[in-house]
Amino acid sequence: MILGILALVAAALFTGAAFYVSFAEHPARSQLEDRAQLQQWKFAYRRGTIMQGSLAALGFVLGLAAWWQTRDELWIVGAIMLGSNWAYTALMIMPVNKELQAIELDDAGEDSHTLLRRWGKLHAKRTMLGVGATLLFLWAALSS
C-alpha cells in the first residue's frame, strides 16, 4: 500500500503545483505588460516543466505499481489520467509553448498576449487531469 500512498502524494503535488500556476501565477502574470508577461512566462516555464513533468511521470509509475500490487482498477485509471498529462502537453500545449519560446522579448505584443491567454486555458485543463487522478488515488487508498 505504500506505493499507492506515494502515488497519491505525487499526484497531489502535481495538482497543487498545476493549480497554483493556473489560478495564481498565470492570472497574476496576465496583469503585466506584454514584454514582462512573456519574460516571466519564459522563466517560469523552464522551471515548471521539470517539476510538473517529473511529478506526472512519478505518479504514473507509482500508480501502475499500486495497481500491480492490488489489482484495484482505481489505481490504473488514476495512473492513466495522471500520465495523460504527458500526451496532452505534447499534443495541445507544446505547439503553443514553441510559438511563445520563438517570440523575442522585444517582439512581445498582441500575438504573445493571445498565445499566453490560450496557454492559460490549456494549462487549466491539465490541472483538471491532475485533480481527477488525485481523487481516484485518494478513493483507491481509502477503499483498501
N, C-alpha and C. Protein backbone atom coordinates (compact mmCIF):
# COMPACT_ATOMS: atom_id res chain seq x y z
N MET A 1 0.82 -1.20 0.00
CA MET A 1 0.00 0.00 0.00
C MET A 1 0.86 1.27 0.00
N ILE A 2 2.11 1.15 0.39
CA ILE A 2 2.97 2.32 0.41
C ILE A 2 3.13 2.92 -0.99
N LEU A 3 3.14 2.07 -2.02
CA LEU A 3 3.26 2.59 -3.39
C LEU A 3 2.04 3.44 -3.76
N GLY A 4 0.88 3.03 -3.31
CA GLY A 4 -0.33 3.80 -3.56
C GLY A 4 -0.31 5.15 -2.86
N ILE A 5 0.15 5.15 -1.63
CA ILE A 5 0.24 6.41 -0.89
C ILE A 5 1.25 7.34 -1.56
N LEU A 6 2.36 6.79 -2.02
CA LEU A 6 3.35 7.61 -2.73
C LEU A 6 2.79 8.13 -4.05
N ALA A 7 1.99 7.32 -4.75
CA ALA A 7 1.33 7.78 -5.98
C ALA A 7 0.39 8.94 -5.67
N LEU A 8 -0.35 8.80 -4.58
CA LEU A 8 -1.27 9.86 -4.15
C LEU A 8 -0.49 11.14 -3.84
N VAL A 9 0.61 11.03 -3.15
CA VAL A 9 1.42 12.21 -2.82
C VAL A 9 1.95 12.87 -4.10
N ALA A 10 2.47 12.06 -5.03
CA ALA A 10 2.99 12.63 -6.28
C ALA A 10 1.88 13.33 -7.06
N ALA A 11 0.71 12.70 -7.13
CA ALA A 11 -0.42 13.30 -7.85
C ALA A 11 -0.87 14.59 -7.17
N ALA A 12 -0.92 14.57 -5.84
CA ALA A 12 -1.34 15.77 -5.10
C ALA A 12 -0.33 16.90 -5.28
N LEU A 13 0.95 16.58 -5.29
CA LEU A 13 1.97 17.61 -5.52
C LEU A 13 1.86 18.18 -6.93
N PHE A 14 1.68 17.30 -7.92
CA PHE A 14 1.48 17.75 -9.29
C PHE A 14 0.28 18.68 -9.36
N THR A 15 -0.82 18.25 -8.78
CA THR A 15 -2.06 19.01 -8.85
C THR A 15 -1.93 20.34 -8.12
N GLY A 16 -1.28 20.33 -6.97
CA GLY A 16 -1.07 21.58 -6.24
C GLY A 16 -0.25 22.58 -7.04
N ALA A 17 0.81 22.09 -7.68
CA ALA A 17 1.64 22.97 -8.50
C ALA A 17 0.86 23.49 -9.70
N ALA A 18 0.13 22.59 -10.36
CA ALA A 18 -0.65 22.99 -11.53
C ALA A 18 -1.75 23.97 -11.13
N PHE A 19 -2.39 23.71 -10.00
CA PHE A 19 -3.45 24.60 -9.52
C PHE A 19 -2.88 25.99 -9.23
N TYR A 20 -1.72 26.04 -8.59
CA TYR A 20 -1.07 27.32 -8.31
C TYR A 20 -0.81 28.09 -9.61
N VAL A 21 -0.24 27.39 -10.60
CA VAL A 21 0.06 28.05 -11.86
C VAL A 21 -1.22 28.57 -12.52
N SER A 22 -2.26 27.72 -12.55
CA SER A 22 -3.49 28.08 -13.25
C SER A 22 -4.29 29.17 -12.56
N PHE A 23 -4.27 29.19 -11.23
CA PHE A 23 -5.17 30.09 -10.52
C PHE A 23 -4.49 31.20 -9.73
N ALA A 24 -3.17 31.22 -9.71
CA ALA A 24 -2.45 32.30 -9.04
C ALA A 24 -1.39 32.90 -9.96
N GLU A 25 -0.41 32.08 -10.35
CA GLU A 25 0.71 32.62 -11.12
C GLU A 25 0.29 33.17 -12.48
N HIS A 26 -0.44 32.39 -13.27
CA HIS A 26 -0.80 32.85 -14.61
C HIS A 26 -1.74 34.06 -14.59
N PRO A 27 -2.76 34.07 -13.74
CA PRO A 27 -3.59 35.29 -13.69
C PRO A 27 -2.79 36.53 -13.26
N ALA A 28 -1.85 36.35 -12.34
CA ALA A 28 -1.01 37.49 -11.93
C ALA A 28 -0.13 37.94 -13.09
N ARG A 29 0.45 36.98 -13.79
CA ARG A 29 1.30 37.29 -14.95
C ARG A 29 0.49 38.04 -16.00
N SER A 30 -0.76 37.69 -16.15
CA SER A 30 -1.62 38.30 -17.17
C SER A 30 -1.87 39.78 -16.93
N GLN A 31 -1.58 40.25 -15.72
CA GLN A 31 -1.76 41.66 -15.40
C GLN A 31 -0.57 42.51 -15.82
N LEU A 32 0.53 41.88 -16.21
CA LEU A 32 1.73 42.59 -16.61
C LEU A 32 1.60 43.09 -18.05
N GLU A 33 2.48 44.03 -18.42
CA GLU A 33 2.52 44.45 -19.82
C GLU A 33 3.11 43.30 -20.64
N ASP A 34 2.90 43.33 -21.94
CA ASP A 34 3.19 42.17 -22.80
C ASP A 34 4.63 41.66 -22.70
N ARG A 35 5.61 42.55 -22.71
CA ARG A 35 7.00 42.12 -22.66
C ARG A 35 7.30 41.43 -21.34
N ALA A 36 6.89 42.03 -20.23
CA ALA A 36 7.15 41.45 -18.91
C ALA A 36 6.39 40.13 -18.74
N GLN A 37 5.20 40.06 -19.30
CA GLN A 37 4.39 38.85 -19.24
C GLN A 37 5.11 37.69 -19.93
N LEU A 38 5.61 37.94 -21.12
CA LEU A 38 6.33 36.91 -21.88
C LEU A 38 7.63 36.54 -21.18
N GLN A 39 8.34 37.51 -20.67
CA GLN A 39 9.60 37.24 -19.98
C GLN A 39 9.36 36.38 -18.75
N GLN A 40 8.37 36.70 -17.96
CA GLN A 40 8.08 35.91 -16.76
C GLN A 40 7.65 34.50 -17.14
N TRP A 41 6.84 34.36 -18.18
CA TRP A 41 6.41 33.03 -18.62
C TRP A 41 7.62 32.19 -19.01
N LYS A 42 8.55 32.76 -19.76
CA LYS A 42 9.73 32.01 -20.21
C LYS A 42 10.55 31.50 -19.02
N PHE A 43 10.74 32.35 -18.01
CA PHE A 43 11.48 31.91 -16.83
C PHE A 43 10.73 30.82 -16.07
N ALA A 44 9.45 31.04 -15.85
CA ALA A 44 8.65 30.07 -15.09
C ALA A 44 8.50 28.76 -15.85
N TYR A 45 8.36 28.83 -17.17
CA TYR A 45 8.18 27.63 -17.98
C TYR A 45 9.35 26.67 -17.83
N ARG A 46 10.56 27.20 -17.89
CA ARG A 46 11.75 26.34 -17.77
C ARG A 46 11.74 25.55 -16.47
N ARG A 47 11.44 26.22 -15.39
CA ARG A 47 11.46 25.56 -14.08
C ARG A 47 10.24 24.65 -13.88
N GLY A 48 9.08 25.12 -14.30
CA GLY A 48 7.85 24.36 -14.09
C GLY A 48 7.80 23.08 -14.89
N THR A 49 8.39 23.08 -16.08
CA THR A 49 8.37 21.90 -16.93
C THR A 49 9.05 20.72 -16.24
N ILE A 50 10.18 20.95 -15.66
CA ILE A 50 10.92 19.88 -14.99
C ILE A 50 10.13 19.35 -13.80
N MET A 51 9.61 20.25 -12.99
CA MET A 51 8.90 19.83 -11.79
C MET A 51 7.62 19.09 -12.13
N GLN A 52 6.76 19.68 -12.95
CA GLN A 52 5.47 19.05 -13.24
C GLN A 52 5.63 17.78 -14.06
N GLY A 53 6.52 17.79 -15.01
CA GLY A 53 6.75 16.59 -15.82
C GLY A 53 7.24 15.43 -14.98
N SER A 54 8.15 15.71 -14.06
CA SER A 54 8.68 14.65 -13.18
C SER A 54 7.60 14.10 -12.25
N LEU A 55 6.79 14.99 -11.69
CA LEU A 55 5.73 14.54 -10.78
C LEU A 55 4.67 13.71 -11.51
N ALA A 56 4.33 14.10 -12.73
CA ALA A 56 3.35 13.33 -13.51
C ALA A 56 3.90 11.95 -13.83
N ALA A 57 5.16 11.88 -14.24
CA ALA A 57 5.78 10.58 -14.57
C ALA A 57 5.90 9.71 -13.33
N LEU A 58 6.34 10.28 -12.22
CA LEU A 58 6.50 9.53 -10.99
C LEU A 58 5.15 9.00 -10.49
N GLY A 59 4.14 9.86 -10.48
CA GLY A 59 2.81 9.43 -10.05
C GLY A 59 2.23 8.36 -10.95
N PHE A 60 2.49 8.45 -12.24
CA PHE A 60 2.04 7.44 -13.20
C PHE A 60 2.66 6.08 -12.87
N VAL A 61 3.98 6.06 -12.71
CA VAL A 61 4.69 4.80 -12.42
C VAL A 61 4.24 4.22 -11.08
N LEU A 62 4.13 5.07 -10.08
CA LEU A 62 3.71 4.58 -8.76
C LEU A 62 2.26 4.10 -8.78
N GLY A 63 1.41 4.78 -9.54
CA GLY A 63 0.02 4.33 -9.68
C GLY A 63 -0.07 2.97 -10.35
N LEU A 64 0.75 2.77 -11.39
CA LEU A 64 0.80 1.45 -12.04
C LEU A 64 1.29 0.38 -11.07
N ALA A 65 2.30 0.71 -10.27
CA ALA A 65 2.83 -0.25 -9.30
C ALA A 65 1.78 -0.58 -8.24
N ALA A 66 1.02 0.42 -7.80
CA ALA A 66 -0.04 0.17 -6.82
C ALA A 66 -1.12 -0.72 -7.42
N TRP A 67 -1.44 -0.49 -8.67
CA TRP A 67 -2.41 -1.36 -9.35
C TRP A 67 -1.87 -2.78 -9.44
N TRP A 68 -0.61 -2.91 -9.78
CA TRP A 68 0.02 -4.23 -9.91
C TRP A 68 -0.07 -4.99 -8.59
N GLN A 69 0.14 -4.28 -7.50
CA GLN A 69 0.08 -4.91 -6.17
C GLN A 69 -1.34 -5.28 -5.77
N THR A 70 -2.28 -4.40 -6.05
CA THR A 70 -3.64 -4.57 -5.51
C THR A 70 -4.66 -5.06 -6.52
N ARG A 71 -4.40 -4.84 -7.78
CA ARG A 71 -5.34 -5.12 -8.88
C ARG A 71 -6.63 -4.30 -8.77
N ASP A 72 -6.56 -3.21 -8.02
CA ASP A 72 -7.70 -2.29 -7.91
C ASP A 72 -7.62 -1.34 -9.10
N GLU A 73 -8.65 -1.37 -9.94
CA GLU A 73 -8.64 -0.58 -11.18
C GLU A 73 -8.61 0.91 -10.94
N LEU A 74 -8.96 1.38 -9.75
CA LEU A 74 -8.87 2.81 -9.47
C LEU A 74 -7.44 3.31 -9.62
N TRP A 75 -6.48 2.47 -9.22
CA TRP A 75 -5.07 2.87 -9.33
C TRP A 75 -4.65 3.03 -10.78
N ILE A 76 -5.06 2.10 -11.63
CA ILE A 76 -4.61 2.19 -13.03
C ILE A 76 -5.33 3.32 -13.77
N VAL A 77 -6.59 3.54 -13.46
CA VAL A 77 -7.30 4.64 -14.10
C VAL A 77 -6.69 5.97 -13.66
N GLY A 78 -6.38 6.10 -12.38
CA GLY A 78 -5.72 7.31 -11.90
C GLY A 78 -4.35 7.50 -12.52
N ALA A 79 -3.61 6.39 -12.66
CA ALA A 79 -2.28 6.47 -13.27
C ALA A 79 -2.38 6.92 -14.72
N ILE A 80 -3.33 6.36 -15.45
CA ILE A 80 -3.50 6.75 -16.85
C ILE A 80 -3.91 8.23 -16.94
N MET A 81 -4.79 8.65 -16.05
CA MET A 81 -5.22 10.05 -16.07
C MET A 81 -4.04 10.99 -15.80
N LEU A 82 -3.22 10.63 -14.81
CA LEU A 82 -2.06 11.47 -14.49
C LEU A 82 -1.03 11.42 -15.62
N GLY A 83 -0.78 10.22 -16.13
CA GLY A 83 0.18 10.07 -17.23
C GLY A 83 -0.28 10.74 -18.52
N SER A 84 -1.59 10.87 -18.67
CA SER A 84 -2.11 11.50 -19.90
C SER A 84 -1.71 12.98 -19.98
N ASN A 85 -1.23 13.54 -18.89
CA ASN A 85 -0.71 14.90 -18.93
C ASN A 85 0.44 15.02 -19.92
N TRP A 86 1.23 13.97 -20.05
CA TRP A 86 2.35 14.00 -21.00
C TRP A 86 1.81 14.10 -22.42
N ALA A 87 0.83 13.26 -22.76
CA ALA A 87 0.26 13.29 -24.12
C ALA A 87 -0.46 14.61 -24.36
N TYR A 88 -1.24 15.06 -23.39
CA TYR A 88 -1.97 16.32 -23.54
C TYR A 88 -0.99 17.48 -23.75
N THR A 89 0.07 17.48 -22.99
CA THR A 89 1.08 18.54 -23.13
C THR A 89 1.72 18.48 -24.51
N ALA A 90 2.11 17.28 -24.93
CA ALA A 90 2.78 17.14 -26.23
C ALA A 90 1.87 17.55 -27.39
N LEU A 91 0.62 17.17 -27.32
CA LEU A 91 -0.30 17.41 -28.44
C LEU A 91 -0.93 18.80 -28.43
N MET A 92 -1.27 19.28 -27.25
CA MET A 92 -2.06 20.51 -27.17
C MET A 92 -1.25 21.73 -26.71
N ILE A 93 -0.40 21.55 -25.71
CA ILE A 93 0.28 22.70 -25.11
C ILE A 93 1.63 22.98 -25.77
N MET A 94 2.35 21.92 -26.16
CA MET A 94 3.68 22.12 -26.72
C MET A 94 3.70 23.01 -27.96
N PRO A 95 2.74 22.89 -28.88
CA PRO A 95 2.77 23.83 -30.02
C PRO A 95 2.69 25.30 -29.58
N VAL A 96 1.89 25.58 -28.58
CA VAL A 96 1.78 26.94 -28.06
C VAL A 96 3.09 27.33 -27.37
N ASN A 97 3.65 26.40 -26.59
CA ASN A 97 4.93 26.66 -25.93
C ASN A 97 6.00 27.04 -26.95
N LYS A 98 6.07 26.29 -28.05
CA LYS A 98 7.09 26.55 -29.07
C LYS A 98 6.89 27.92 -29.71
N GLU A 99 5.65 28.27 -29.96
CA GLU A 99 5.39 29.60 -30.53
C GLU A 99 5.81 30.70 -29.56
N LEU A 100 5.50 30.50 -28.28
CA LEU A 100 5.88 31.51 -27.28
C LEU A 100 7.40 31.59 -27.13
N GLN A 101 8.06 30.44 -27.12
CA GLN A 101 9.52 30.44 -26.99
C GLN A 101 10.18 31.15 -28.17
N ALA A 102 9.56 31.09 -29.34
CA ALA A 102 10.15 31.68 -30.55
C ALA A 102 10.01 33.20 -30.59
N ILE A 103 9.14 33.76 -29.78
CA ILE A 103 8.94 35.22 -29.79
C ILE A 103 10.03 35.88 -28.94
N GLU A 104 10.75 36.80 -29.56
CA GLU A 104 11.76 37.57 -28.84
C GLU A 104 11.04 38.55 -27.91
N LEU A 105 11.65 38.85 -26.78
CA LEU A 105 11.02 39.76 -25.82
C LEU A 105 10.67 41.11 -26.43
N ASP A 106 11.53 41.61 -27.28
CA ASP A 106 11.26 42.90 -27.91
C ASP A 106 10.09 42.86 -28.89
N ASP A 107 9.69 41.64 -29.29
CA ASP A 107 8.58 41.48 -30.22
C ASP A 107 7.26 41.13 -29.51
N ALA A 108 7.29 41.14 -28.19
CA ALA A 108 6.07 40.82 -27.44
C ALA A 108 4.99 41.83 -27.77
N GLY A 109 3.78 41.35 -27.87
CA GLY A 109 2.66 42.23 -28.19
C GLY A 109 1.37 41.44 -28.22
N GLU A 110 0.49 41.81 -29.12
CA GLU A 110 -0.83 41.16 -29.19
C GLU A 110 -0.73 39.66 -29.43
N ASP A 111 0.21 39.24 -30.30
CA ASP A 111 0.36 37.81 -30.58
C ASP A 111 0.77 37.03 -29.33
N SER A 112 1.76 37.53 -28.62
CA SER A 112 2.21 36.82 -27.41
C SER A 112 1.12 36.87 -26.34
N HIS A 113 0.42 37.97 -26.25
CA HIS A 113 -0.67 38.10 -25.28
C HIS A 113 -1.77 37.07 -25.57
N THR A 114 -2.14 36.94 -26.83
CA THR A 114 -3.17 35.98 -27.23
C THR A 114 -2.71 34.54 -26.96
N LEU A 115 -1.45 34.25 -27.30
CA LEU A 115 -0.92 32.91 -27.05
C LEU A 115 -0.88 32.59 -25.55
N LEU A 116 -0.50 33.56 -24.75
CA LEU A 116 -0.45 33.33 -23.30
C LEU A 116 -1.85 33.12 -22.73
N ARG A 117 -2.83 33.81 -23.25
CA ARG A 117 -4.21 33.59 -22.82
C ARG A 117 -4.63 32.16 -23.16
N ARG A 118 -4.30 31.73 -24.37
CA ARG A 118 -4.62 30.35 -24.80
C ARG A 118 -3.88 29.34 -23.93
N TRP A 119 -2.60 29.61 -23.66
CA TRP A 119 -1.79 28.72 -22.83
C TRP A 119 -2.45 28.54 -21.46
N GLY A 120 -2.93 29.63 -20.88
CA GLY A 120 -3.57 29.55 -19.57
C GLY A 120 -4.79 28.65 -19.56
N LYS A 121 -5.59 28.73 -20.61
CA LYS A 121 -6.78 27.87 -20.71
C LYS A 121 -6.38 26.41 -20.87
N LEU A 122 -5.36 26.16 -21.67
CA LEU A 122 -4.88 24.78 -21.84
C LEU A 122 -4.31 24.24 -20.53
N HIS A 123 -3.57 25.06 -19.82
CA HIS A 123 -2.98 24.61 -18.56
C HIS A 123 -4.05 24.30 -17.52
N ALA A 124 -5.12 25.05 -17.52
CA ALA A 124 -6.21 24.77 -16.58
C ALA A 124 -6.80 23.39 -16.82
N LYS A 125 -6.86 22.96 -18.08
CA LYS A 125 -7.35 21.61 -18.38
C LYS A 125 -6.37 20.56 -17.88
N ARG A 126 -5.09 20.85 -17.97
CA ARG A 126 -4.09 19.92 -17.44
C ARG A 126 -4.24 19.82 -15.92
N THR A 127 -4.56 20.92 -15.29
CA THR A 127 -4.80 20.91 -13.84
C THR A 127 -5.94 19.97 -13.50
N MET A 128 -6.99 19.98 -14.31
CA MET A 128 -8.15 19.12 -14.04
C MET A 128 -7.80 17.64 -14.18
N LEU A 129 -6.88 17.31 -15.08
CA LEU A 129 -6.41 15.92 -15.17
C LEU A 129 -5.73 15.52 -13.85
N GLY A 130 -4.96 16.42 -13.29
CA GLY A 130 -4.31 16.15 -12.01
C GLY A 130 -5.32 15.99 -10.88
N VAL A 131 -6.34 16.84 -10.87
CA VAL A 131 -7.38 16.75 -9.85
C VAL A 131 -8.07 15.38 -9.94
N GLY A 132 -8.41 14.98 -11.16
CA GLY A 132 -9.07 13.68 -11.35
C GLY A 132 -8.21 12.53 -10.87
N ALA A 133 -6.93 12.55 -11.23
CA ALA A 133 -6.03 11.48 -10.80
C ALA A 133 -5.87 11.45 -9.28
N THR A 134 -5.74 12.62 -8.69
CA THR A 134 -5.60 12.70 -7.23
C THR A 134 -6.83 12.13 -6.53
N LEU A 135 -8.00 12.49 -7.01
CA LEU A 135 -9.24 11.98 -6.41
C LEU A 135 -9.37 10.47 -6.57
N LEU A 136 -8.99 9.95 -7.73
CA LEU A 136 -9.03 8.49 -7.93
C LEU A 136 -8.04 7.78 -7.00
N PHE A 137 -6.84 8.33 -6.87
CA PHE A 137 -5.85 7.74 -5.97
C PHE A 137 -6.34 7.80 -4.51
N LEU A 138 -6.95 8.91 -4.14
CA LEU A 138 -7.48 9.03 -2.78
C LEU A 138 -8.58 8.01 -2.54
N TRP A 139 -9.48 7.88 -3.48
CA TRP A 139 -10.56 6.90 -3.39
C TRP A 139 -9.99 5.49 -3.25
N ALA A 140 -9.00 5.16 -4.07
CA ALA A 140 -8.38 3.84 -4.00
C ALA A 140 -7.72 3.61 -2.64
N ALA A 141 -7.01 4.62 -2.15
CA ALA A 141 -6.33 4.48 -0.86
C ALA A 141 -7.32 4.31 0.28
N LEU A 142 -8.42 5.03 0.24
CA LEU A 142 -9.40 4.94 1.31
C LEU A 142 -10.25 3.67 1.25
N SER A 143 -10.38 3.10 0.06
CA SER A 143 -11.22 1.92 -0.08
C SER A 143 -10.47 0.60 0.15
N SER A 144 -9.16 0.68 0.31
CA SER A 144 -8.41 -0.58 0.50
C SER A 144 -8.24 -0.94 1.96
